[in-house]
Amino acid sequence: MYVGRFVVVGPDVAAYRVSSRSFPNRQVVEREGALTVAPTPDAPDTDNPYVSYNCYRTGGGHAVVGNGSHVDPIAEKLELGYPPRDALAEALLALDYEKDDYDTPRVAGVLAADGRAFVGTVRRDALLVREVEEPTLVATYEKDAPEPIGFDAETADAAAGEAYSAAFEHAVCAVGVVRDGEDDGYETAIENGE
């Protein structure tokens, strides 16, 4: 089944995976404190605004994962002190679904500094933001409403690997995020399928 790009968010873990039929020549790179989806050196040139974006950032002690340019304003609102639910809802509503040929939903998740977790999506027909207490998936296609998923990762490497190897078609790259209890930060990992 092809579900496109997706996030998994649970109380202590988050993951994001790029799945793509149209733009498979992408990788995740570390850039200025963020993780960024970017074209590989052999990728054909494109002016598509949805191909490259930050997929992970932190703000205000919170971690954010997502499938597009909305990750930045969510992190910025969190840095300003917005509650995670409000930061997700406001940024997703403001940017709306992607105006491409498929009306692609935007998906995002937040690991909150207080130990809670949130997931959200904006589709052509709905804005959904939920607090979650178990690993929850939301994808751009087929599974475009938050639903619990078996996700057992306890480390960032395991989360990236589990997201990358999930039984959905056209995996390109993935990131994993877990809370790092030692310094109230987050541990991250990248899986580029190499």
N, C-alpha and C. Protein backbone atom coordinates (compact mmCIF):
# COMPACT_ATOMS: atom_id res chain seq x y z
N MET A 1 0.85 -1.17 0.00
CA MET A 1 0.00 0.00 0.00
C MET A 1 0.90 1.24 0.00
N TYR A 2 0.53 2.21 -0.81
CA TYR A 2 1.26 3.46 -0.86
C TYR A 2 0.52 4.49 -0.02
N VAL A 3 1.16 4.95 1.06
CA VAL A 3 0.54 5.95 1.92
C VAL A 3 1.23 7.31 1.83
N GLY A 4 2.27 7.41 1.02
CA GLY A 4 2.99 8.67 0.89
C GLY A 4 3.85 8.94 2.12
N ARG A 5 4.05 10.21 2.41
CA ARG A 5 4.85 10.61 3.57
C ARG A 5 4.04 10.41 4.84
N PHE A 6 4.72 10.03 5.93
CA PHE A 6 3.96 9.84 7.17
C PHE A 6 4.79 10.17 8.40
N VAL A 7 4.07 10.46 9.50
CA VAL A 7 4.67 10.63 10.81
C VAL A 7 4.10 9.57 11.74
N VAL A 8 4.91 9.17 12.69
CA VAL A 8 4.47 8.35 13.82
C VAL A 8 4.89 9.12 15.06
N VAL A 9 3.94 9.32 15.97
CA VAL A 9 4.24 10.05 17.20
C VAL A 9 3.65 9.27 18.37
N GLY A 10 4.47 9.04 19.37
CA GLY A 10 4.03 8.39 20.60
C GLY A 10 4.53 9.19 21.77
N PRO A 11 4.27 8.77 22.95
CA PRO A 11 4.66 9.61 24.09
C PRO A 11 6.16 9.94 24.15
N ASP A 12 7.02 9.00 23.77
CA ASP A 12 8.46 9.24 23.90
C ASP A 12 9.24 9.09 22.60
N VAL A 13 8.56 8.86 21.49
CA VAL A 13 9.22 8.61 20.22
C VAL A 13 8.46 9.28 19.09
N ALA A 14 9.20 9.68 18.06
CA ALA A 14 8.58 10.22 16.86
C ALA A 14 9.41 9.76 15.67
N ALA A 15 8.77 9.67 14.52
CA ALA A 15 9.47 9.30 13.29
C ALA A 15 8.77 9.98 12.12
N TYR A 16 9.53 10.19 11.09
CA TYR A 16 9.00 10.73 9.84
C TYR A 16 9.63 9.96 8.70
N ARG A 17 8.81 9.59 7.71
CA ARG A 17 9.35 8.89 6.54
C ARG A 17 8.87 9.54 5.27
N VAL A 18 9.82 9.74 4.36
CA VAL A 18 9.50 10.15 3.00
C VAL A 18 9.26 8.87 2.19
N SER A 19 8.11 8.78 1.58
CA SER A 19 7.79 7.73 0.62
C SER A 19 7.39 8.48 -0.64
N SER A 20 7.95 8.12 -1.77
CA SER A 20 7.65 8.91 -2.96
C SER A 20 7.77 8.08 -4.23
N ARG A 21 6.80 8.25 -5.09
CA ARG A 21 6.86 7.67 -6.43
C ARG A 21 7.46 8.68 -7.40
N SER A 22 7.22 9.97 -7.15
CA SER A 22 7.62 11.02 -8.09
C SER A 22 9.02 11.57 -7.89
N PHE A 23 9.47 11.67 -6.63
CA PHE A 23 10.76 12.28 -6.32
C PHE A 23 11.55 11.37 -5.38
N PRO A 24 12.04 10.22 -5.86
CA PRO A 24 12.75 9.30 -4.98
C PRO A 24 14.19 9.70 -4.68
N ASN A 25 14.75 10.63 -5.41
CA ASN A 25 16.16 11.01 -5.24
C ASN A 25 16.30 12.07 -4.16
N ARG A 26 15.99 11.67 -2.91
CA ARG A 26 16.10 12.59 -1.79
C ARG A 26 16.77 11.89 -0.62
N GLN A 27 17.27 12.70 0.28
CA GLN A 27 17.93 12.21 1.48
C GLN A 27 17.66 13.19 2.60
N VAL A 28 17.90 12.75 3.83
CA VAL A 28 17.83 13.66 4.97
C VAL A 28 19.26 14.04 5.34
N VAL A 29 19.47 15.34 5.54
CA VAL A 29 20.77 15.86 5.94
C VAL A 29 20.59 16.74 7.18
N GLU A 30 21.65 16.82 7.97
CA GLU A 30 21.63 17.70 9.13
C GLU A 30 22.06 19.07 8.69
N ARG A 31 21.28 20.08 9.09
CA ARG A 31 21.57 21.44 8.64
C ARG A 31 21.14 22.44 9.72
N GLU A 32 22.07 23.12 10.32
CA GLU A 32 21.81 24.21 11.27
C GLU A 32 20.80 23.82 12.35
N GLY A 33 21.00 22.69 13.01
CA GLY A 33 20.14 22.27 14.10
C GLY A 33 18.83 21.65 13.67
N ALA A 34 18.64 21.48 12.39
CA ALA A 34 17.42 20.86 11.85
C ALA A 34 17.82 19.64 11.02
N LEU A 35 16.86 18.79 10.75
CA LEU A 35 17.03 17.72 9.77
C LEU A 35 16.21 18.12 8.55
N THR A 36 16.85 18.09 7.39
CA THR A 36 16.25 18.62 6.17
C THR A 36 16.18 17.55 5.10
N VAL A 37 15.01 17.43 4.47
CA VAL A 37 14.87 16.59 3.29
C VAL A 37 15.39 17.41 2.12
N ALA A 38 16.34 16.83 1.37
CA ALA A 38 16.97 17.55 0.27
C ALA A 38 17.24 16.59 -0.88
N PRO A 39 17.33 17.12 -2.11
CA PRO A 39 17.66 16.26 -3.24
C PRO A 39 19.05 15.65 -3.08
N THR A 40 19.22 14.43 -3.58
CA THR A 40 20.54 13.81 -3.63
C THR A 40 21.35 14.49 -4.73
N PRO A 41 22.67 14.34 -4.73
CA PRO A 41 23.48 14.98 -5.77
C PRO A 41 23.09 14.58 -7.19
N ASP A 42 22.55 13.37 -7.36
CA ASP A 42 22.18 12.92 -8.70
C ASP A 42 20.73 13.21 -9.08
N ALA A 43 20.00 13.93 -8.23
CA ALA A 43 18.59 14.22 -8.50
C ALA A 43 18.45 15.21 -9.65
N PRO A 44 17.44 15.01 -10.49
CA PRO A 44 17.20 15.99 -11.54
C PRO A 44 16.73 17.32 -10.92
N ASP A 45 17.04 18.40 -11.58
CA ASP A 45 16.61 19.72 -11.11
C ASP A 45 15.08 19.79 -11.13
N THR A 46 14.53 20.46 -10.11
CA THR A 46 13.08 20.67 -10.06
C THR A 46 12.80 21.99 -9.38
N ASP A 47 11.70 22.61 -9.76
CA ASP A 47 11.26 23.82 -9.08
C ASP A 47 10.07 23.52 -8.18
N ASN A 48 9.80 22.24 -7.92
CA ASN A 48 8.71 21.83 -7.05
C ASN A 48 9.00 22.28 -5.62
N PRO A 49 8.14 23.12 -5.02
CA PRO A 49 8.40 23.64 -3.69
C PRO A 49 8.24 22.62 -2.57
N TYR A 50 7.72 21.43 -2.89
CA TYR A 50 7.45 20.42 -1.86
C TYR A 50 8.54 19.35 -1.77
N VAL A 51 9.62 19.50 -2.51
CA VAL A 51 10.67 18.48 -2.55
C VAL A 51 11.68 18.63 -1.41
N SER A 52 12.00 19.85 -1.01
CA SER A 52 13.01 20.09 0.01
C SER A 52 12.42 20.94 1.14
N TYR A 53 12.66 20.50 2.41
CA TYR A 53 12.07 21.18 3.56
C TYR A 53 12.68 20.61 4.83
N ASN A 54 12.55 21.35 5.92
CA ASN A 54 12.95 20.83 7.23
C ASN A 54 11.88 19.84 7.68
N CYS A 55 12.31 18.64 8.05
CA CYS A 55 11.36 17.62 8.54
C CYS A 55 11.48 17.43 10.04
N TYR A 56 12.47 18.06 10.68
CA TYR A 56 12.64 17.99 12.13
C TYR A 56 13.27 19.28 12.62
N ARG A 57 12.65 19.85 13.67
CA ARG A 57 13.22 21.01 14.36
C ARG A 57 12.79 20.96 15.81
N THR A 58 13.45 21.73 16.62
CA THR A 58 13.02 21.89 18.00
C THR A 58 12.65 23.35 18.23
N GLY A 59 11.82 23.56 19.24
CA GLY A 59 11.44 24.91 19.63
C GLY A 59 10.83 24.89 21.01
N GLY A 60 11.33 25.71 21.91
CA GLY A 60 10.77 25.80 23.25
C GLY A 60 10.84 24.52 24.04
N GLY A 61 11.83 23.66 23.75
CA GLY A 61 11.96 22.39 24.44
C GLY A 61 11.12 21.27 23.86
N HIS A 62 10.46 21.54 22.74
CA HIS A 62 9.62 20.56 22.06
C HIS A 62 10.30 20.10 20.77
N ALA A 63 9.97 18.89 20.31
CA ALA A 63 10.49 18.38 19.04
C ALA A 63 9.33 18.29 18.05
N VAL A 64 9.60 18.69 16.80
CA VAL A 64 8.57 18.71 15.75
C VAL A 64 9.06 17.87 14.57
N VAL A 65 8.17 17.02 14.04
CA VAL A 65 8.43 16.30 12.79
C VAL A 65 7.28 16.58 11.84
N GLY A 66 7.56 16.56 10.54
CA GLY A 66 6.49 16.79 9.58
C GLY A 66 6.97 16.75 8.15
N ASN A 67 6.01 16.85 7.23
CA ASN A 67 6.27 16.62 5.82
C ASN A 67 6.38 17.88 4.97
N GLY A 68 6.72 19.02 5.57
CA GLY A 68 6.84 20.19 4.71
C GLY A 68 7.20 21.47 5.45
N SER A 69 6.99 22.57 4.77
CA SER A 69 7.40 23.88 5.27
C SER A 69 6.67 24.30 6.54
N HIS A 70 5.61 23.60 6.93
CA HIS A 70 4.90 23.92 8.17
C HIS A 70 5.70 23.56 9.42
N VAL A 71 6.73 22.72 9.30
CA VAL A 71 7.55 22.36 10.46
C VAL A 71 8.18 23.62 11.06
N ASP A 72 8.65 24.53 10.23
CA ASP A 72 9.32 25.74 10.73
C ASP A 72 8.37 26.62 11.55
N PRO A 73 7.18 27.00 11.06
CA PRO A 73 6.32 27.84 11.89
C PRO A 73 5.81 27.13 13.14
N ILE A 74 5.65 25.81 13.11
CA ILE A 74 5.26 25.10 14.33
C ILE A 74 6.35 25.27 15.37
N ALA A 75 7.61 25.01 14.98
CA ALA A 75 8.74 25.16 15.91
C ALA A 75 8.87 26.60 16.40
N GLU A 76 8.65 27.57 15.53
CA GLU A 76 8.75 28.97 15.91
C GLU A 76 7.66 29.36 16.91
N LYS A 77 6.45 28.88 16.71
CA LYS A 77 5.36 29.16 17.65
C LYS A 77 5.64 28.51 19.00
N LEU A 78 6.16 27.29 18.98
CA LEU A 78 6.52 26.63 20.24
C LEU A 78 7.60 27.43 20.98
N GLU A 79 8.56 27.96 20.24
CA GLU A 79 9.62 28.77 20.84
C GLU A 79 9.04 30.03 21.48
N LEU A 80 7.94 30.55 20.91
CA LEU A 80 7.28 31.74 21.47
C LEU A 80 6.39 31.40 22.66
N GLY A 81 6.23 30.11 22.98
CA GLY A 81 5.45 29.72 24.14
C GLY A 81 4.05 29.21 23.85
N TYR A 82 3.70 29.06 22.58
CA TYR A 82 2.39 28.49 22.26
C TYR A 82 2.29 27.07 22.80
N PRO A 83 1.11 26.65 23.28
CA PRO A 83 0.93 25.24 23.62
C PRO A 83 1.05 24.39 22.35
N PRO A 84 1.55 23.16 22.45
CA PRO A 84 1.75 22.33 21.26
C PRO A 84 0.50 22.16 20.38
N ARG A 85 -0.64 21.93 21.00
CA ARG A 85 -1.87 21.75 20.22
C ARG A 85 -2.17 23.01 19.40
N ASP A 86 -2.01 24.17 20.00
CA ASP A 86 -2.30 25.42 19.31
C ASP A 86 -1.28 25.70 18.21
N ALA A 87 0.00 25.42 18.48
CA ALA A 87 1.04 25.63 17.46
C ALA A 87 0.77 24.75 16.24
N LEU A 88 0.43 23.50 16.48
CA LEU A 88 0.09 22.59 15.37
C LEU A 88 -1.11 23.11 14.60
N ALA A 89 -2.20 23.38 15.31
CA ALA A 89 -3.45 23.78 14.65
C ALA A 89 -3.27 25.08 13.86
N GLU A 90 -2.63 26.06 14.47
CA GLU A 90 -2.50 27.35 13.80
C GLU A 90 -1.63 27.26 12.53
N ALA A 91 -0.50 26.59 12.63
CA ALA A 91 0.39 26.49 11.47
C ALA A 91 -0.24 25.64 10.36
N LEU A 92 -0.85 24.52 10.73
CA LEU A 92 -1.48 23.67 9.70
C LEU A 92 -2.63 24.40 9.03
N LEU A 93 -3.44 25.10 9.80
CA LEU A 93 -4.56 25.84 9.22
C LEU A 93 -4.06 26.97 8.33
N ALA A 94 -3.03 27.69 8.76
CA ALA A 94 -2.52 28.82 7.98
C ALA A 94 -1.93 28.37 6.64
N LEU A 95 -1.17 27.27 6.64
CA LEU A 95 -0.53 26.81 5.40
C LEU A 95 -1.44 25.92 4.56
N ASP A 96 -2.41 25.27 5.21
CA ASP A 96 -3.40 24.44 4.54
C ASP A 96 -2.73 23.26 3.83
N TYR A 97 -3.51 22.44 3.15
CA TYR A 97 -2.97 21.30 2.43
C TYR A 97 -2.14 21.79 1.25
N GLU A 98 -1.28 20.93 0.73
CA GLU A 98 -0.41 21.32 -0.38
C GLU A 98 -1.24 21.48 -1.65
N LYS A 99 -1.00 22.54 -2.36
CA LYS A 99 -1.75 22.83 -3.58
C LYS A 99 -1.06 22.19 -4.79
N ASP A 100 -0.97 20.85 -4.75
CA ASP A 100 -0.39 20.10 -5.86
C ASP A 100 -1.51 19.35 -6.58
N ASP A 101 -1.15 18.47 -7.49
CA ASP A 101 -2.15 17.73 -8.25
C ASP A 101 -2.99 16.78 -7.40
N TYR A 102 -2.51 16.47 -6.18
CA TYR A 102 -3.20 15.48 -5.34
C TYR A 102 -3.83 16.09 -4.09
N ASP A 103 -3.76 17.43 -3.94
CA ASP A 103 -4.23 18.07 -2.71
C ASP A 103 -3.63 17.36 -1.49
N THR A 104 -2.33 17.17 -1.52
CA THR A 104 -1.63 16.41 -0.49
C THR A 104 -1.80 17.03 0.89
N PRO A 105 -2.23 16.24 1.87
CA PRO A 105 -2.33 16.75 3.24
C PRO A 105 -0.95 17.06 3.82
N ARG A 106 -0.94 17.95 4.78
CA ARG A 106 0.25 18.19 5.59
C ARG A 106 0.08 17.38 6.87
N VAL A 107 1.15 16.74 7.32
CA VAL A 107 1.12 15.95 8.56
C VAL A 107 2.25 16.42 9.46
N ALA A 108 2.03 16.36 10.77
CA ALA A 108 3.06 16.80 11.71
C ALA A 108 2.81 16.19 13.07
N GLY A 109 3.87 16.14 13.87
CA GLY A 109 3.77 15.66 15.23
C GLY A 109 4.69 16.44 16.14
N VAL A 110 4.34 16.48 17.43
CA VAL A 110 5.13 17.18 18.43
C VAL A 110 5.33 16.28 19.63
N LEU A 111 6.59 16.14 20.04
CA LEU A 111 6.91 15.59 21.35
C LEU A 111 7.05 16.80 22.26
N ALA A 112 6.13 16.96 23.18
CA ALA A 112 6.11 18.15 24.03
C ALA A 112 7.10 18.03 25.18
N ALA A 113 7.59 19.16 25.63
CA ALA A 113 8.58 19.19 26.70
C ALA A 113 8.04 18.60 27.99
N ASP A 114 6.72 18.62 28.19
CA ASP A 114 6.12 18.11 29.42
C ASP A 114 5.80 16.62 29.37
N GLY A 115 6.26 15.93 28.32
CA GLY A 115 6.05 14.48 28.22
C GLY A 115 4.84 14.07 27.40
N ARG A 116 4.04 15.01 26.99
CA ARG A 116 2.88 14.68 26.15
C ARG A 116 3.30 14.63 24.68
N ALA A 117 2.39 14.14 23.84
CA ALA A 117 2.67 14.05 22.40
C ALA A 117 1.40 14.40 21.64
N PHE A 118 1.58 15.01 20.46
CA PHE A 118 0.46 15.46 19.64
C PHE A 118 0.73 15.11 18.19
N VAL A 119 -0.33 14.87 17.45
CA VAL A 119 -0.23 14.61 16.02
C VAL A 119 -1.31 15.42 15.32
N GLY A 120 -1.02 15.86 14.10
CA GLY A 120 -2.01 16.66 13.38
C GLY A 120 -1.88 16.50 11.88
N THR A 121 -2.97 16.82 11.20
CA THR A 121 -2.99 16.84 9.74
C THR A 121 -4.00 17.87 9.26
N VAL A 122 -3.71 18.46 8.13
CA VAL A 122 -4.71 19.28 7.46
C VAL A 122 -4.88 18.71 6.06
N ARG A 123 -6.12 18.37 5.75
CA ARG A 123 -6.50 17.83 4.45
C ARG A 123 -7.44 18.82 3.78
N ARG A 124 -7.80 18.53 2.57
CA ARG A 124 -8.75 19.39 1.86
C ARG A 124 -10.06 19.53 2.64
N ASP A 125 -10.45 18.48 3.36
CA ASP A 125 -11.76 18.45 4.02
C ASP A 125 -11.71 18.52 5.54
N ALA A 126 -10.53 18.63 6.16
CA ALA A 126 -10.49 18.60 7.63
C ALA A 126 -9.15 19.07 8.17
N LEU A 127 -9.22 19.56 9.41
CA LEU A 127 -8.05 19.83 10.23
C LEU A 127 -8.21 18.96 11.47
N LEU A 128 -7.26 18.06 11.71
CA LEU A 128 -7.33 17.15 12.86
C LEU A 128 -6.07 17.30 13.69
N VAL A 129 -6.21 17.60 14.96
CA VAL A 129 -5.09 17.70 15.89
C VAL A 129 -5.50 16.93 17.14
N ARG A 130 -4.65 15.98 17.55
CA ARG A 130 -4.99 15.14 18.69
C ARG A 130 -3.79 14.95 19.61
N GLU A 131 -4.07 14.92 20.91
CA GLU A 131 -3.07 14.46 21.86
C GLU A 131 -3.10 12.94 21.80
N VAL A 132 -1.92 12.30 21.84
CA VAL A 132 -1.86 10.84 21.72
C VAL A 132 -1.12 10.25 22.92
N GLU A 133 -1.55 9.06 23.30
CA GLU A 133 -0.92 8.39 24.44
C GLU A 133 -0.28 7.07 24.03
N GLU A 134 -0.32 6.76 22.74
CA GLU A 134 0.33 5.57 22.20
C GLU A 134 0.82 5.93 20.81
N PRO A 135 1.78 5.18 20.25
CA PRO A 135 2.26 5.52 18.91
C PRO A 135 1.10 5.61 17.92
N THR A 136 1.07 6.74 17.22
CA THR A 136 -0.04 7.06 16.31
C THR A 136 0.53 7.50 14.98
N LEU A 137 -0.04 6.99 13.91
CA LEU A 137 0.41 7.29 12.54
C LEU A 137 -0.61 8.16 11.85
N VAL A 138 -0.12 9.08 11.05
CA VAL A 138 -0.96 9.80 10.09
C VAL A 138 -0.11 10.00 8.84
N ALA A 139 -0.73 9.70 7.68
CA ALA A 139 -0.02 9.74 6.41
C ALA A 139 -0.74 10.68 5.44
N THR A 140 -0.08 10.95 4.35
CA THR A 140 -0.69 11.86 3.37
C THR A 140 -1.78 11.19 2.54
N TYR A 141 -1.70 9.88 2.35
CA TYR A 141 -2.71 9.17 1.55
C TYR A 141 -3.14 7.90 2.29
N GLU A 142 -4.34 7.44 2.01
CA GLU A 142 -4.90 6.19 2.54
C GLU A 142 -5.10 6.22 4.06
N LYS A 143 -4.12 6.61 4.81
CA LYS A 143 -4.20 6.65 6.27
C LYS A 143 -4.08 8.11 6.71
N ASP A 144 -5.01 8.94 6.22
CA ASP A 144 -4.90 10.39 6.42
C ASP A 144 -5.67 10.90 7.64
N ALA A 145 -6.01 10.00 8.56
CA ALA A 145 -6.54 10.37 9.87
C ALA A 145 -5.69 9.64 10.91
N PRO A 146 -5.39 10.29 12.02
CA PRO A 146 -4.54 9.64 13.04
C PRO A 146 -5.12 8.29 13.48
N GLU A 147 -4.23 7.27 13.54
CA GLU A 147 -4.64 5.95 14.02
C GLU A 147 -3.48 5.30 14.76
N PRO A 148 -3.78 4.57 15.84
CA PRO A 148 -2.72 3.87 16.57
C PRO A 148 -2.02 2.86 15.67
N ILE A 149 -0.72 2.68 15.93
CA ILE A 149 0.07 1.74 15.14
C ILE A 149 1.06 1.05 16.09
N GLY A 150 1.33 -0.21 15.84
CA GLY A 150 2.38 -0.89 16.60
C GLY A 150 3.72 -0.32 16.21
N PHE A 151 4.41 0.29 17.13
CA PHE A 151 5.71 0.92 16.87
C PHE A 151 6.51 0.77 18.15
N ASP A 152 7.51 -0.11 18.13
CA ASP A 152 8.19 -0.51 19.35
C ASP A 152 9.55 0.14 19.59
N ALA A 153 9.94 1.07 18.77
CA ALA A 153 11.28 1.66 18.86
C ALA A 153 11.47 2.39 20.18
N GLU A 154 12.67 2.22 20.74
CA GLU A 154 13.02 2.92 21.98
C GLU A 154 14.23 3.83 21.82
N THR A 155 14.91 3.73 20.66
CA THR A 155 16.04 4.60 20.37
C THR A 155 15.77 5.33 19.06
N ALA A 156 16.49 6.40 18.84
CA ALA A 156 16.31 7.15 17.60
C ALA A 156 16.67 6.29 16.38
N ASP A 157 17.78 5.54 16.48
CA ASP A 157 18.16 4.65 15.37
C ASP A 157 17.06 3.63 15.08
N ALA A 158 16.50 3.05 16.13
CA ALA A 158 15.44 2.06 15.94
C ALA A 158 14.20 2.70 15.35
N ALA A 159 13.87 3.92 15.76
CA ALA A 159 12.69 4.61 15.22
C ALA A 159 12.86 4.92 13.74
N ALA A 160 14.04 5.42 13.35
CA ALA A 160 14.30 5.69 11.94
C ALA A 160 14.23 4.40 11.13
N GLY A 161 14.85 3.34 11.65
CA GLY A 161 14.84 2.06 10.95
C GLY A 161 13.45 1.46 10.85
N GLU A 162 12.68 1.53 11.93
CA GLU A 162 11.32 0.97 11.90
C GLU A 162 10.42 1.74 10.94
N ALA A 163 10.55 3.07 10.93
CA ALA A 163 9.76 3.87 9.98
C ALA A 163 10.17 3.55 8.55
N TYR A 164 11.48 3.48 8.31
CA TYR A 164 11.96 3.21 6.95
C TYR A 164 11.49 1.85 6.45
N SER A 165 11.50 0.85 7.32
CA SER A 165 11.16 -0.52 6.89
C SER A 165 9.68 -0.85 7.06
N ALA A 166 8.86 0.10 7.47
CA ALA A 166 7.43 -0.15 7.62
C ALA A 166 6.85 -0.68 6.30
N ALA A 167 5.82 -1.47 6.40
CA ALA A 167 5.27 -2.19 5.25
C ALA A 167 4.43 -1.29 4.35
N PHE A 168 4.98 -0.17 3.96
CA PHE A 168 4.35 0.73 3.00
C PHE A 168 5.32 0.93 1.84
N GLU A 169 4.79 1.14 0.65
CA GLU A 169 5.61 1.18 -0.56
C GLU A 169 6.43 2.47 -0.71
N HIS A 170 7.52 2.35 -1.46
CA HIS A 170 8.36 3.45 -1.96
C HIS A 170 9.08 4.24 -0.88
N ALA A 171 9.71 3.54 0.08
CA ALA A 171 10.51 4.22 1.10
C ALA A 171 11.69 4.94 0.45
N VAL A 172 11.94 6.16 0.90
CA VAL A 172 13.05 6.96 0.39
C VAL A 172 14.05 7.25 1.52
N CYS A 173 13.57 7.80 2.64
CA CYS A 173 14.42 8.12 3.77
C CYS A 173 13.54 8.32 5.00
N ALA A 174 14.16 8.33 6.18
CA ALA A 174 13.40 8.46 7.41
C ALA A 174 14.25 9.08 8.51
N VAL A 175 13.57 9.65 9.51
CA VAL A 175 14.24 10.14 10.71
C VAL A 175 13.55 9.54 11.93
N GLY A 176 14.31 9.39 12.99
CA GLY A 176 13.77 8.95 14.27
C GLY A 176 14.16 9.94 15.34
N VAL A 177 13.27 10.10 16.32
CA VAL A 177 13.49 11.05 17.41
C VAL A 177 13.03 10.39 18.71
N VAL A 178 13.82 10.48 19.75
CA VAL A 178 13.41 10.05 21.09
C VAL A 178 13.82 11.11 22.10
N ARG A 179 13.09 11.11 23.19
CA ARG A 179 13.45 12.01 24.29
C ARG A 179 14.79 11.57 24.86
N ASP A 180 15.64 12.53 25.19
CA ASP A 180 16.93 12.27 25.82
C ASP A 180 16.83 12.80 27.25
N GLY A 181 16.55 11.90 28.18
CA GLY A 181 16.30 12.29 29.56
C GLY A 181 17.46 12.95 30.26
N GLU A 182 18.68 12.77 29.75
CA GLU A 182 19.84 13.31 30.44
C GLU A 182 19.91 14.83 30.39
N ASP A 183 19.53 15.43 29.27
CA ASP A 183 19.64 16.89 29.17
C ASP A 183 18.35 17.54 28.69
N ASP A 184 17.22 16.86 28.87
CA ASP A 184 15.92 17.37 28.45
C ASP A 184 15.90 17.75 26.97
N GLY A 185 16.67 17.04 26.18
CA GLY A 185 16.70 17.28 24.75
C GLY A 185 16.17 16.07 24.00
N TYR A 186 16.64 15.92 22.77
CA TYR A 186 16.17 14.85 21.90
C TYR A 186 17.35 14.24 21.16
N GLU A 187 17.30 12.95 21.02
CA GLU A 187 18.26 12.22 20.21
C GLU A 187 17.62 11.98 18.86
N THR A 188 18.38 12.16 17.78
CA THR A 188 17.84 11.94 16.43
C THR A 188 18.71 10.95 15.67
N ALA A 189 18.12 10.35 14.66
CA ALA A 189 18.85 9.47 13.76
C ALA A 189 18.26 9.60 12.36
N ILE A 190 19.09 9.31 11.37
CA ILE A 190 18.71 9.41 9.97
C ILE A 190 18.88 8.04 9.32
N GLU A 191 17.93 7.65 8.50
CA GLU A 191 18.03 6.45 7.67
C GLU A 191 17.81 6.85 6.22
N ASN A 192 18.87 6.84 5.44
CA ASN A 192 18.78 7.21 4.02
C ASN A 192 18.75 6.00 3.10
N GLY A 193 18.60 4.81 3.67
CA GLY A 193 18.46 3.62 2.84
C GLY A 193 19.71 3.22 2.10
N GLU A 194 20.86 3.62 2.59
CA GLU A 194 22.12 3.32 1.90
C GLU A 194 22.67 2.00 2.35
